[in-house]
C-alpha atoms as a PDB file:
ATOM      1  CA  MET A   1      33.463 -72.479   4.517  1.00  0.00           C
ATOM      2  CA  THR A   2      32.100 -69.001   3.781  1.00  0.00           C
ATOM      3  CA  GLN A   3      31.028 -66.595   6.489  1.00  0.00           C
ATOM      4  CA  GLU A   4      27.395 -66.897   5.327  1.00  0.00           C
ATOM      5  CA  ALA A   5      27.538 -70.694   5.506  1.00  0.00           C
ATOM      6  CA  MET A   6      29.038 -70.552   8.988  1.00  0.00           C
ATOM      7  CA  ALA A   7      26.264 -68.185  10.079  1.00  0.00           C
ATOM      8  CA  ASP A   8      23.585 -70.506   8.678  1.00  0.00           C
ATOM      9  CA  GLN A   9      25.158 -73.494  10.423  1.00  0.00           C
ATOM     10  CA  SER A  10      25.284 -71.574  13.700  1.00  0.00           C
ATOM     11  CA  ALA A  11      21.621 -70.555  13.337  1.00  0.00           C
ATOM     12  CA  ASP A  12      20.599 -74.187  12.829  1.00  0.00           C
ATOM     13  CA  THR A  13      22.457 -75.390  15.926  1.00  0.00           C
ATOM     14  CA  PRO A  14      19.907 -76.027  18.689  1.00  0.00           C
ATOM     15  CA  PRO A  15      20.634 -74.489  22.100  1.00  0.00           C
ATOM     16  CA  THR A  16      22.184 -76.731  24.718  1.00  0.00           C
ATOM     17  CA  ILE A  17      20.373 -77.613  27.927  1.00  0.00           C
ATOM     18  CA  VAL A  18      22.769 -75.325  29.822  1.00  0.00           C
ATOM     19  CA  GLN A  19      21.811 -72.403  27.582  1.00  0.00           C
ATOM     20  CA  LYS A  20      18.124 -73.176  28.080  1.00  0.00           C
ATOM     21  CA  LEU A  21      18.458 -73.286  31.862  1.00  0.00           C
ATOM     22  CA  LEU A  22      20.459 -70.060  31.905  1.00  0.00           C
ATOM     23  CA  ALA A  23      17.750 -68.390  29.815  1.00  0.00           C
ATOM     24  CA  GLU A  24      15.074 -69.569  32.267  1.00  0.00           C
ATOM     25  CA  PHE A  25      17.166 -68.368  35.210  1.00  0.00           C
ATOM     26  CA  LEU A  26      17.704 -64.898  33.745  1.00  0.00           C
ATOM     27  CA  GLY A  27      14.134 -64.482  32.549  1.00  0.00           C
ATOM     28  CA  THR A  28      12.656 -65.385  35.947  1.00  0.00           C
ATOM     29  CA  PHE A  29      15.200 -63.163  37.700  1.00  0.00           C
ATOM     30  CA  VAL A  30      14.108 -60.162  35.617  1.00  0.00           C
ATOM     31  CA  LEU A  31      10.406 -60.972  36.075  1.00  0.00           C
ATOM     32  CA  VAL A  32      10.705 -60.999  39.875  1.00  0.00           C
ATOM     33  CA  PHE A  33      13.015 -57.983  40.113  1.00  0.00           C
ATOM     34  CA  ILE A  34      10.918 -55.744  37.832  1.00  0.00           C
ATOM     35  CA  GLY A  35       7.428 -56.958  38.727  1.00  0.00           C
ATOM     36  CA  CYS A  36       7.865 -57.247  42.477  1.00  0.00           C
ATOM     37  CA  GLY A  37      10.074 -54.156  42.536  1.00  0.00           C
ATOM     38  CA  ALA A  38       7.330 -52.089  40.911  1.00  0.00           C
ATOM     39  CA  ALA A  39       4.803 -53.437  43.405  1.00  0.00           C
ATOM     40  CA  VAL A  40       6.902 -52.435  46.415  1.00  0.00           C
ATOM     41  CA  ILE A  41       8.026 -49.033  45.148  1.00  0.00           C
ATOM     42  CA  SER A  42       4.575 -48.024  43.835  1.00  0.00           C
ATOM     43  CA  GLY A  43       2.790 -49.191  46.975  1.00  0.00           C
ATOM     44  CA  VAL A  44       1.106 -51.998  45.000  1.00  0.00           C
ATOM     45  CA  ASP A  45      -0.425 -49.605  42.495  1.00  0.00           C
ATOM     46  CA  LEU A  46      -2.759 -51.732  40.400  1.00  0.00           C
ATOM     47  CA  VAL A  47      -1.835 -50.391  36.960  1.00  0.00           C
ATOM     48  CA  ALA A  48       1.900 -49.979  37.592  1.00  0.00           C
ATOM     49  CA  THR A  49       2.265 -53.463  39.089  1.00  0.00           C
ATOM     50  CA  GLY A  50       0.135 -55.233  36.500  1.00  0.00           C
ATOM     51  CA  PHE A  51       1.882 -53.668  33.526  1.00  0.00           C
ATOM     52  CA  SER A  52       5.330 -54.165  35.082  1.00  0.00           C
ATOM     53  CA  PHE A  53       4.785 -57.914  35.288  1.00  0.00           C
ATOM     54  CA  GLY A  54       3.308 -57.955  31.778  1.00  0.00           C
ATOM     55  CA  ILE A  55       6.094 -55.886  30.214  1.00  0.00           C
ATOM     56  CA  ALA A  56       8.760 -57.966  31.969  1.00  0.00           C
ATOM     57  CA  ILE A  57       7.324 -61.114  30.374  1.00  0.00           C
ATOM     58  CA  VAL A  58       7.160 -59.467  26.945  1.00  0.00           C
ATOM     59  CA  ILE A  59      10.796 -58.346  26.906  1.00  0.00           C
ATOM     60  CA  MET A  60      12.107 -61.610  28.339  1.00  0.00           C
ATOM     61  CA  ALA A  61      10.046 -63.737  25.958  1.00  0.00           C
ATOM     62  CA  TYR A  62      11.328 -61.767  22.976  1.00  0.00           C
ATOM     63  CA  SER A  63      14.870 -62.021  24.349  1.00  0.00           C
ATOM     64  CA  PHE A  64      15.035 -65.669  25.414  1.00  0.00           C
ATOM     65  CA  GLY A  65      11.982 -67.362  23.912  1.00  0.00           C
ATOM     66  CA  ARG A  66      13.993 -68.684  20.951  1.00  0.00           C
ATOM     67  CA  ILE A  67      16.378 -70.407  23.369  1.00  0.00           C
ATOM     68  CA  SER A  68      14.214 -72.010  26.026  1.00  0.00           C
ATOM     69  CA  GLY A  69      10.644 -71.277  24.981  1.00  0.00           C
ATOM     70  CA  GLY A  70      10.398 -68.483  27.551  1.00  0.00           C
ATOM     71  CA  HIS A  71       8.528 -70.230  30.370  1.00  0.00           C
ATOM     72  CA  PHE A  72       9.917 -68.389  33.443  1.00  0.00           C
ATOM     73  CA  ASN A  73       7.276 -70.197  35.483  1.00  0.00           C
ATOM     74  CA  PRO A  74       7.074 -73.831  36.724  1.00  0.00           C
ATOM     75  CA  ALA A  75       3.331 -73.831  36.096  1.00  0.00           C
ATOM     76  CA  VAL A  76       3.923 -72.991  32.424  1.00  0.00           C
ATOM     77  CA  SER A  77       6.428 -75.842  32.172  1.00  0.00           C
ATOM     78  CA  VAL A  78       3.970 -78.305  33.744  1.00  0.00           C
ATOM     79  CA  GLY A  79       1.155 -77.214  31.430  1.00  0.00           C
ATOM     80  CA  ALA A  80       3.445 -77.449  28.408  1.00  0.00           C
ATOM     81  CA  ALA A  81       4.501 -80.974  29.407  1.00  0.00           C
ATOM     82  CA  LEU A  82       0.915 -82.176  29.735  1.00  0.00           C
ATOM     83  CA  ALA A  83       0.173 -80.616  26.344  1.00  0.00           C
ATOM     84  CA  GLY A  84       3.070 -82.570  24.811  1.00  0.00           C
ATOM     85  CA  ARG A  85       5.344 -79.574  24.214  1.00  0.00           C
ATOM     86  CA  ILE A  86       8.205 -80.458  26.613  1.00  0.00           C
ATOM     87  CA  SER A  87       9.424 -83.581  28.413  1.00  0.00           C
ATOM     88  CA  TRP A  88       8.970 -84.133  32.139  1.00  0.00           C
ATOM     89  CA  LYS A  89      12.725 -84.416  32.523  1.00  0.00           C
ATOM     90  CA  ASP A  90      13.082 -80.878  31.234  1.00  0.00           C
ATOM     91  CA  VAL A  91      10.224 -79.692  33.462  1.00  0.00           C
ATOM     92  CA  GLY A  92      12.272 -80.605  36.531  1.00  0.00           C
ATOM     93  CA  LEU A  93      15.359 -78.836  35.213  1.00  0.00           C
ATOM     94  CA  TYR A  94      13.405 -75.768  34.086  1.00  0.00           C
ATOM     95  CA  SER A  95      11.581 -75.497  37.429  1.00  0.00           C
ATOM     96  CA  ALA A  96      14.842 -75.637  39.353  1.00  0.00           C
ATOM     97  CA  ALA A  97      16.397 -72.915  37.188  1.00  0.00           C
ATOM     98  CA  GLN A  98      13.267 -70.759  37.463  1.00  0.00           C
ATOM     99  CA  THR A  99      13.107 -71.086  41.247  1.00  0.00           C
ATOM    100  CA  VAL A 100      16.779 -70.226  41.695  1.00  0.00           C
ATOM    101  CA  GLY A 101      16.367 -67.244  39.362  1.00  0.00           C
ATOM    102  CA  ALA A 102      13.363 -66.035  41.388  1.00  0.00           C
ATOM    103  CA  LEU A 103      15.224 -66.395  44.687  1.00  0.00           C
ATOM    104  CA  VAL A 104      18.194 -64.452  43.328  1.00  0.00           C
ATOM    105  CA  GLY A 105      15.835 -61.825  41.903  1.00  0.00           C
ATOM    106  CA  GLY A 106      14.109 -61.451  45.265  1.00  0.00           C
ATOM    107  CA  PHE A 107      17.438 -61.204  47.080  1.00  0.00           C
ATOM    108  CA  VAL A 108      18.830 -58.568  44.712  1.00  0.00           C
ATOM    109  CA  LEU A 109      15.575 -56.606  44.996  1.00  0.00           C
ATOM    110  CA  ALA A 110      15.743 -56.742  48.802  1.00  0.00           C
ATOM    111  CA  ILE A 111      19.367 -55.555  48.841  1.00  0.00           C
ATOM    112  CA  THR A 112      18.518 -52.782  46.367  1.00  0.00           C
ATOM    113  CA  LEU A 113      15.624 -51.549  48.508  1.00  0.00           C
ATOM    114  CA  LEU A 114      17.760 -51.592  51.640  1.00  0.00           C
ATOM    115  CA  ALA A 115      20.589 -49.730  49.920  1.00  0.00           C
ATOM    116  CA  SER A 116      18.225 -47.105  48.481  1.00  0.00           C
ATOM    117  CA  ASP A 117      16.613 -46.365  51.849  1.00  0.00           C
ATOM    118  CA  ALA A 118      13.161 -46.995  50.375  1.00  0.00           C
ATOM    119  CA  GLY A 119      11.667 -47.728  53.782  1.00  0.00           C
ATOM    120  CA  TRP A 120      11.609 -51.495  53.338  1.00  0.00           C
ATOM    121  CA  GLU A 121      13.176 -53.873  55.871  1.00  0.00           C
ATOM    122  CA  PHE A 122      13.588 -57.640  56.007  1.00  0.00           C
ATOM    123  CA  GLY A 123      10.315 -59.126  57.256  1.00  0.00           C
ATOM    124  CA  ASP A 124       8.168 -56.527  55.488  1.00  0.00           C
ATOM    125  CA  PRO A 125       6.065 -57.776  52.558  1.00  0.00           C
ATOM    126  CA  LEU A 126       8.212 -57.876  49.405  1.00  0.00           C
ATOM    127  CA  ALA A 127       5.287 -58.077  46.961  1.00  0.00           C
ATOM    128  CA  SER A 128       4.585 -61.492  48.490  1.00  0.00           C
ATOM    129  CA  ASN A 129       1.319 -63.366  48.066  1.00  0.00           C
ATOM    130  CA  GLY A 130      -1.134 -64.168  50.815  1.00  0.00           C
ATOM    131  CA  TYR A 131      -4.722 -64.877  51.855  1.00  0.00           C
ATOM    132  CA  GLY A 132      -6.864 -64.524  54.982  1.00  0.00           C
ATOM    133  CA  ASP A 133      -5.260 -62.026  57.369  1.00  0.00           C
ATOM    134  CA  PHE A 134      -2.438 -61.499  54.873  1.00  0.00           C
ATOM    135  CA  GLY A 135      -4.732 -60.959  51.861  1.00  0.00           C
ATOM    136  CA  ASN A 136      -8.263 -59.951  50.936  1.00  0.00           C
ATOM    137  CA  ALA A 137      -9.427 -63.453  49.942  1.00  0.00           C
ATOM    138  CA  ASP A 138     -10.020 -66.357  52.307  1.00  0.00           C
ATOM    139  CA  LEU A 139      -8.417 -69.765  51.788  1.00  0.00           C
ATOM    140  CA  PHE A 140     -11.062 -71.138  49.439  1.00  0.00           C
ATOM    141  CA  GLY A 141     -11.359 -67.893  47.485  1.00  0.00           C
ATOM    142  CA  ALA A 142      -7.591 -67.620  47.036  1.00  0.00           C
ATOM    143  CA  LEU A 143      -7.392 -71.235  45.868  1.00  0.00           C
ATOM    144  CA  ILE A 144     -10.129 -70.750  43.257  1.00  0.00           C
ATOM    145  CA  ILE A 145      -8.767 -67.411  42.027  1.00  0.00           C
ATOM    146  CA  GLU A 146      -5.239 -68.730  41.530  1.00  0.00           C
ATOM    147  CA  ILE A 147      -6.418 -71.923  39.801  1.00  0.00           C
ATOM    148  CA  VAL A 148      -8.719 -70.051  37.406  1.00  0.00           C
ATOM    149  CA  LEU A 149      -6.244 -67.269  36.598  1.00  0.00           C
ATOM    150  CA  THR A 150      -3.450 -69.749  35.929  1.00  0.00           C
ATOM    151  CA  PHE A 151      -5.775 -71.841  33.781  1.00  0.00           C
ATOM    152  CA  ILE A 152      -6.598 -68.771  31.662  1.00  0.00           C
ATOM    153  CA  PHE A 153      -2.928 -67.810  31.436  1.00  0.00           C
ATOM    154  CA  LEU A 154      -1.921 -71.265  30.210  1.00  0.00           C
ATOM    155  CA  LEU A 155      -4.719 -71.396  27.645  1.00  0.00           C
ATOM    156  CA  VAL A 156      -3.448 -68.139  26.169  1.00  0.00           C
ATOM    157  CA  ILE A 157       0.152 -69.386  26.119  1.00  0.00           C
ATOM    158  CA  LEU A 158      -0.690 -72.751  24.533  1.00  0.00           C
ATOM    159  CA  SER A 159      -2.910 -71.066  21.945  1.00  0.00           C
ATOM    160  CA  VAL A 160      -0.592 -68.295  20.741  1.00  0.00           C
ATOM    161  CA  THR A 161       2.419 -70.639  20.632  1.00  0.00           C
ATOM    162  CA  ASP A 162       0.533 -73.290  18.653  1.00  0.00           C
ATOM    163  CA  ASP A 163       2.338 -73.939  15.349  1.00  0.00           C
ATOM    164  CA  ARG A 164      -1.000 -73.643  13.564  1.00  0.00           C
ATOM    165  CA  ASN A 165      -1.097 -69.962  14.598  1.00  0.00           C
ATOM    166  CA  ARG A 166       2.032 -69.081  12.625  1.00  0.00           C
ATOM    167  CA  ALA A 167       0.433 -65.854  11.391  1.00  0.00           C
ATOM    168  CA  ILE A 168       0.612 -64.404  14.915  1.00  0.00           C
ATOM    169  CA  ALA A 169       3.826 -66.091  16.065  1.00  0.00           C
ATOM    170  CA  ALA A 170       5.746 -62.807  16.190  1.00  0.00           C
ATOM    171  CA  GLN A 171       3.071 -61.273  18.429  1.00  0.00           C
ATOM    172  CA  ALA A 172       2.894 -64.237  20.840  1.00  0.00           C
ATOM    173  CA  PRO A 173       5.063 -62.621  23.578  1.00  0.00           C
ATOM    174  CA  LEU A 174       2.947 -59.473  23.399  1.00  0.00           C
ATOM    175  CA  ALA A 175      -0.277 -61.455  23.805  1.00  0.00           C
ATOM    176  CA  ILE A 176       1.186 -63.378  26.743  1.00  0.00           C
ATOM    177  CA  GLY A 177       2.371 -60.179  28.418  1.00  0.00           C
ATOM    178  CA  LEU A 178      -1.018 -58.498  28.022  1.00  0.00           C
ATOM    179  CA  ALA A 179      -2.713 -61.595  29.427  1.00  0.00           C
ATOM    180  CA  LEU A 180      -0.445 -61.521  32.477  1.00  0.00           C
ATOM    181  CA  ALA A 181      -1.151 -57.811  33.018  1.00  0.00           C
ATOM    182  CA  ALA A 182      -4.914 -58.397  32.824  1.00  0.00           C
ATOM    183  CA  ILE A 183      -4.620 -61.311  35.232  1.00  0.00           C
ATOM    184  CA  HIS A 184      -2.827 -59.067  37.724  1.00  0.00           C
ATOM    185  CA  PHE A 185      -5.596 -56.469  37.476  1.00  0.00           C
ATOM    186  CA  VAL A 186      -8.018 -59.163  38.659  1.00  0.00           C
ATOM    187  CA  GLY A 187      -5.886 -60.896  41.269  1.00  0.00           C
ATOM    188  CA  ILE A 188      -3.781 -58.213  42.958  1.00  0.00           C
ATOM    189  CA  GLY A 189      -6.569 -57.111  45.298  1.00  0.00           C
ATOM    190  CA  ALA A 190      -7.314 -60.700  46.335  1.00  0.00           C
ATOM    191  CA  THR A 191      -3.999 -62.537  46.657  1.00  0.00           C
ATOM    192  CA  GLY A 192      -1.354 -60.235  45.206  1.00  0.00           C
ATOM    193  CA  THR A 193      -1.521 -62.476  42.092  1.00  0.00           C
ATOM    194  CA  SER A 194       0.886 -65.365  41.808  1.00  0.00           C
ATOM    195  CA  VAL A 195       0.023 -67.754  38.910  1.00  0.00           C
ATOM    196  CA  ASN A 196       3.730 -68.595  39.209  1.00  0.00           C
ATOM    197  CA  PRO A 197       5.182 -70.733  42.033  1.00  0.00           C
ATOM    198  CA  ALA A 198       8.731 -69.459  41.393  1.00  0.00           C
ATOM    199  CA  ARG A 199       7.627 -65.820  41.656  1.00  0.00           C
ATOM    200  CA  SER A 200       5.945 -66.548  45.012  1.00  0.00           C
ATOM    201  CA  ILE A 201       8.909 -68.533  46.359  1.00  0.00           C
ATOM    202  CA  GLY A 202      11.343 -65.844  45.205  1.00  0.00           C
ATOM    203  CA  VAL A 203      10.033 -63.185  47.609  1.00  0.00           C
ATOM    204  CA  ALA A 204       8.320 -65.183  50.387  1.00  0.00           C
ATOM    205  CA  PHE A 205      11.488 -65.927  52.352  1.00  0.00           C
ATOM    206  CA  TYR A 206      12.363 -62.221  52.565  1.00  0.00           C
ATOM    207  CA  SER A 207       8.820 -61.230  53.623  1.00  0.00           C
ATOM    208  CA  GLY A 208       8.377 -62.875  56.993  1.00  0.00           C
ATOM    209  CA  GLY A 209       6.388 -65.682  58.566  1.00  0.00           C
ATOM    210  CA  ASP A 210       2.920 -64.981  57.111  1.00  0.00           C
ATOM    211  CA  ALA A 211       4.191 -65.126  53.527  1.00  0.00           C
ATOM    212  CA  ILE A 212       6.023 -68.373  54.224  1.00  0.00           C
ATOM    213  CA  ALA A 213       2.998 -69.907  55.966  1.00  0.00           C
ATOM    214  CA  ASP A 214       0.744 -69.094  52.991  1.00  0.00           C
ATOM    215  CA  LEU A 215       3.292 -70.090  50.361  1.00  0.00           C
ATOM    216  CA  TRP A 216       1.990 -73.651  49.849  1.00  0.00           C
ATOM    217  CA  LEU A 217      -1.221 -72.376  48.232  1.00  0.00           C
ATOM    218  CA  PHE A 218       0.687 -70.336  45.667  1.00  0.00           C
ATOM    219  CA  ILE A 219       2.655 -73.415  44.694  1.00  0.00           C
ATOM    220  CA  VAL A 220      -0.245 -75.876  44.566  1.00  0.00           C
ATOM    221  CA  ALA A 221      -2.983 -73.723  42.999  1.00  0.00           C
ATOM    222  CA  PRO A 222      -0.987 -72.528  39.933  1.00  0.00           C
ATOM    223  CA  LEU A 223       0.181 -76.077  39.251  1.00  0.00           C
ATOM    224  CA  ILE A 224      -3.417 -77.343  39.363  1.00  0.00           C
ATOM    225  CA  GLY A 225      -4.632 -74.606  37.027  1.00  0.00           C
ATOM    226  CA  ALA A 226      -1.776 -75.236  34.611  1.00  0.00           C
ATOM    227  CA  ALA A 227      -2.356 -78.997  34.650  1.00  0.00           C
ATOM    228  CA  ILE A 228      -6.034 -78.549  33.792  1.00  0.00           C
ATOM    229  CA  ALA A 229      -5.158 -76.282  30.868  1.00  0.00           C
ATOM    230  CA  GLY A 230      -2.419 -78.647  29.688  1.00  0.00           C
ATOM    231  CA  VAL A 231      -4.912 -81.515  29.478  1.00  0.00           C
ATOM    232  CA  ILE A 232      -7.906 -79.567  28.134  1.00  0.00           C
ATOM    233  CA  TYR A 233      -6.150 -77.644  25.340  1.00  0.00           C
ATOM    234  CA  PRO A 234      -5.081 -80.628  23.178  1.00  0.00           C
ATOM    235  CA  LEU A 235      -8.368 -82.404  23.873  1.00  0.00           C
ATOM    236  CA  THR A 236     -10.305 -79.363  22.677  1.00  0.00           C
ATOM    237  CA  PHE A 237      -8.188 -78.076  19.799  1.00  0.00           C
ATOM    238  CA  GLY A 238      -6.038 -81.075  18.899  1.00  0.00           C
ATOM    239  CA  ARG A 239      -2.262 -81.082  18.640  1.00  0.00           C
ATOM    240  CA  ASP A 240      -0.138 -78.979  16.344  1.00  0.00           C
ATOM    241  CA  LYS A 241       2.464 -81.774  16.195  1.00  0.00           C
ATOM    242  CA  ASP A 242       3.323 -85.115  17.761  1.00  0.00           C
ATOM    243  CA  PRO A 243       4.047 -84.981  21.511  1.00  0.00           C
ATOM    244  CA  VAL A 244       7.745 -84.999  22.359  1.00  0.00           C
ATOM    245  CA  PRO A 245       9.155 -88.130  24.035  1.00  0.00           C
ATOM    246  CA  GLY A 246       8.495 -88.298  27.764  1.00  0.00           C
ATOM    247  CA  SER A 247       5.692 -85.721  27.795  1.00  0.00           C
ATOM    248  CA  GLY A 248       1.941 -85.875  28.312  1.00  0.00           C
ATOM    249  CA  LEU A 249       0.839 -88.712  30.544  1.00  0.00           C
ATOM    250  CA  ASN A 250       4.012 -90.729  29.853  1.00  0.00           C
ATOM    251  CA  PHE A 251       5.583 -89.862  33.177  1.00  0.00           C
ATOM    252  CA  GLY A 252       9.171 -91.015  33.379  1.00  0.00           C
ATOM    253  CA  SER A 253       9.343 -92.312  29.795  1.00  0.00           C
ATOM    254  CA  GLY A 254      11.497 -90.888  27.049  1.00  0.00           C
ATOM    255  CA  GLY A 255      14.054 -88.280  27.863  1.00  0.00           C
ATOM    256  CA  SER A 256      14.943 -84.714  27.032  1.00  0.00           C
ATOM    257  CA  SER A 257      12.877 -82.721  24.555  1.00  0.00           C
ATOM    258  CA  ASP A 258      16.114 -81.553  22.978  1.00  0.00           C
ATOM    259  CA  PRO A 259      15.593 -81.711  19.175  1.00  0.00           C
ATOM    260  CA  GLY A 260      18.678 -83.866  18.643  1.00  0.00           C
ATOM    261  CA  PHE A 261      17.527 -86.418  21.166  1.00  0.00           C
ATOM    262  CA  THR A 262      14.001 -86.391  19.785  1.00  0.00           C
ATOM    263  CA  GLN A 263      15.261 -87.090  16.259  1.00  0.00           C
ATOM    264  CA  GLN A 264      17.396 -89.970  17.502  1.00  0.00           C
ATOM    265  CA  TRP A 265      14.460 -91.320  19.493  1.00  0.00           C
ATOM    266  CA  ASN A 266      12.126 -91.169  16.498  1.00  0.00           C
ATOM    267  CA  GLN A 267      14.564 -92.754  14.035  1.00  0.00           C
ATOM    268  CA  GLY A 268      16.310 -95.301  16.217  1.00  0.00           C
ATOM    269  CA  TYR A 269      13.810 -96.541  18.727  1.00  0.00           C
ATOM    270  CA  GLY A 270      10.352 -96.387  17.114  1.00  0.00           C
ATOM    271  CA  GLN A 271       8.934 -93.747  19.435  1.00  0.00           C
ATOM    272  CA  GLN A 272       5.787 -94.789  21.223  1.00  0.00           C
ATOM    273  CA  VAL A 273       3.357 -92.002  22.111  1.00  0.00           C
ATOM    274  CA  PHE A 274       0.244 -92.967  24.047  1.00  0.00           C
ATOM    275  CA  GLY A 275       0.787 -96.545  22.871  1.00  0.00           C
ATOM    276  CA  GLN A 276       0.868 -95.799  19.113  1.00  0.00           C
ATOM    277  CA  GLN A 277       3.830 -96.326  16.783  1.00  0.00           C
ATOM    278  CA  GLN A 278       4.724 -93.202  14.828  1.00  0.00           C
ATOM    279  CA  PRO A 279       3.673 -93.809  11.213  1.00  0.00           C
ATOM    280  CA  ASP A 280       6.416 -91.722   9.613  1.00  0.00           C
ATOM    281  CA  GLN A 281       9.234 -94.124  10.538  1.00  0.00           C
ATOM    282  CA  PRO A 282       9.034 -97.197   8.248  1.00  0.00           C
ATOM    283  CA  ILE A 283      10.396-100.579   9.312  1.00  0.00           C
ATOM    284  CA  ILE A 284      13.144-101.588   6.885  1.00  0.00           C
ATOM    285  CA  GLN A 285      15.130-104.835   6.942  1.00  0.00           C
ATOM    286  CA  ASP A 286      17.595-106.116   4.324  1.00  0.00           C
ATOM    287  CA  GLY A 287      16.157-103.938   1.554  1.00  0.00           C
ATOM    288  CA  TRP A 288      12.512-104.741   2.369  1.00  0.00           C
ATOM    289  CA  GLN A 289      10.008-102.294   3.898  1.00  0.00           C
ATOM    290  CA  TRP A 290       6.937-103.262   5.902  1.00  0.00           C
ATOM    291  CA  ASP A 291       3.747-101.729   4.430  1.00  0.00           C
ATOM    292  CA  PRO A 292       1.190-101.415   7.263  1.00  0.00           C
ATOM    293  CA  ALA A 293      -1.634-100.705   4.816  1.00  0.00           C
ATOM    294  CA  SER A 294      -1.309-103.977   2.902  1.00  0.00           C
ATOM    295  CA  GLN A 295       0.245-105.853   5.835  1.00  0.00           C
ATOM    296  CA  GLN A 296       3.059-107.223   3.686  1.00  0.00           C
ATOM    297  CA  TRP A 297       6.719-106.602   2.828  1.00  0.00           C
ATOM    298  CA  VAL A 298       7.523-104.512  -0.275  1.00  0.00           C
ATOM    299  CA  PRO A 299      10.860-103.405  -1.768  1.00  0.00           C
ATOM    300  CA  ALA A 300      12.218-100.444   0.226  1.00  0.00           C
ATOM    301  CA  GLN A 301      11.934 -97.025  -1.394  1.00  0.00           C
ATOM    302  CA  GLN A 302      14.772 -94.520  -1.673  1.00  0.00           C
ATOM    303  CA  PRO A 303      14.128 -90.832  -0.812  1.00  0.00           C
ATOM    304  CA  GLY A 304      12.028 -89.288  -3.560  1.00  0.00           C
ATOM    305  CA  GLY A 305      10.127 -92.480  -4.278  1.00  0.00           C
ATOM    306  CA  ALA A 306      12.740 -94.151  -6.517  1.00  0.00           C
ATOM    307  CA  PRO A 307      12.962 -97.930  -5.991  1.00  0.00           C
ATOM    308  CA  ALA A 308      15.962 -99.104  -4.018  1.00  0.00           C
ATOM    309  CA  PRO A 309      18.418-101.601  -5.507  1.00  0.00           C
ATOM    310  CA  ALA A 310      17.075-105.128  -5.571  1.00  0.00           C
ATOM    311  CA  PRO A 311      17.125-106.464  -2.008  1.00  0.00           C
ATOM    312  CA  ALA A 312      19.051-109.562  -1.140  1.00  0.00           C
ATOM    313  CA  PRO A 313      16.912-112.703  -1.006  1.00  0.00           C
ATOM    314  CA  ALA A 314      15.608-113.399   2.433  1.00  0.00           C
ATOM    315  CA  PRO A 315      16.904-116.522   4.189  1.00  0.00           C
ATOM    316  CA  ASP A 316      14.906-119.674   3.849  1.00  0.00           C
ATOM    317  CA  GLN A 317      12.050-119.745   6.330  1.00  0.00           C
ATOM    318  CA  GLY A 318      13.041-123.126   7.580  1.00  0.00           C
ATOM    319  CA  GLN A 319      16.728-122.298   7.917  1.00  0.00           C
ATOM    320  CA  GLN A 320      18.008-122.232  11.462  1.00  0.00           C
ATOM    321  CA  GLY A 321      18.868-118.695  12.515  1.00  0.00           C
ATOM    322  CA  GLY A 322      16.912-117.259   9.540  1.00  0.00           C
ATOM    323  CA  TRP A 323      15.370-113.805   9.204  1.00  0.00           C
ATOM    324  CA  ALA A 324      13.615-112.224  12.176  1.00  0.00           C
ATOM    325  CA  PRO A 325      11.744-108.928  12.470  1.00  0.00           C
ATOM    326  CA  PRO A 326      13.717-105.889  13.632  1.00  0.00           C
ATOM    327  CA  ALA A 327      14.151-105.502  17.378  1.00  0.00           C
ATOM    328  CA  GLY A 328      11.001-104.228  18.997  1.00  0.00           C
ATOM    329  CA  ASP A 329       8.750-105.309  16.097  1.00  0.00           C
ATOM    330  CA  GLN A 330       6.583-108.251  17.116  1.00  0.00           C
ATOM    331  CA  THR A 331       5.168-108.891  13.598  1.00  0.00           C
ATOM    332  CA  GLN A 332       5.699-112.526  12.659  1.00  0.00           C
ATOM    333  CA  VAL A 333       5.300-112.044   8.883  1.00  0.00           C
ATOM    334  CA  ARG A 334       8.514-112.766   6.951  1.00  0.00           C
ATOM    335  CA  PRO A 335       9.641-110.764   3.909  1.00  0.00           C
ATOM    336  CA  PRO A 336       8.786-112.272   0.524  1.00  0.00           C
ATOM    337  CA  GLN A 337      10.997-114.989  -0.880  1.00  0.00           C
END
């Protein structure tokens, strides 16, 4: 095998789930370390903090987006699942990797600040989120702000990563990063801006009791905003492709959204999505193919449209143990005799 062929084969090999989770871990680690670090060191300067979070997303999405999709945020994973882009099984794995990455990022940031004598101590706010006495917005205001900002963020992400927007695919990370920066300009003065449960968890436990007490809102509100966007986007703009197995409202069904698994699911098990059989997987039995348009059996076609070799005659309908439809197909029509 030539070196070029080996390179092509390597490029076509999909990333493993371990590689995806490592990418999500590293991306979330960098997001928390750079974004929250800029907030602490700059004294929560609006422009510096907003652009630091935005730039961190841009560079991590360009670096790891081809591996894991570049979520770095449990809310993004939830919205993507409801939009049919990722399975719920992978949402759980991604969220765990993102949360661990955020916690490690917050810990490394705290140790760095202590070692650099920056005036920060454990228990001081570490760019943590809050409301009421710990923020400028009250409970209801913080809830609404975080839901709306996350909703906007997810709409941008789902739109620029839509396969029908291939003309701007290369600029998608830049658009997402600018959206996150703009969102921070709006939300920093109210809640410190979360729109990311992992980011909030990653620094809350190093910031003292108030940050921990308020943490629930910055987990619940982003997930609600993301869920609304994940449902509304495909209803409004349609889908760029069929939902992956185990996504959308099919909680617990299907499995991983790994391309290899998805292909096996489609070809071997007659994938059901929202109760509809996928039309691109014909039912073939003993050289006969079921034609749903005419509701009858026709000779199976080879790739390219050439007729297949003459199929073997079907067993006599009255013969004991005769022909039966393929497993999972409840059609009672027999192939022609």
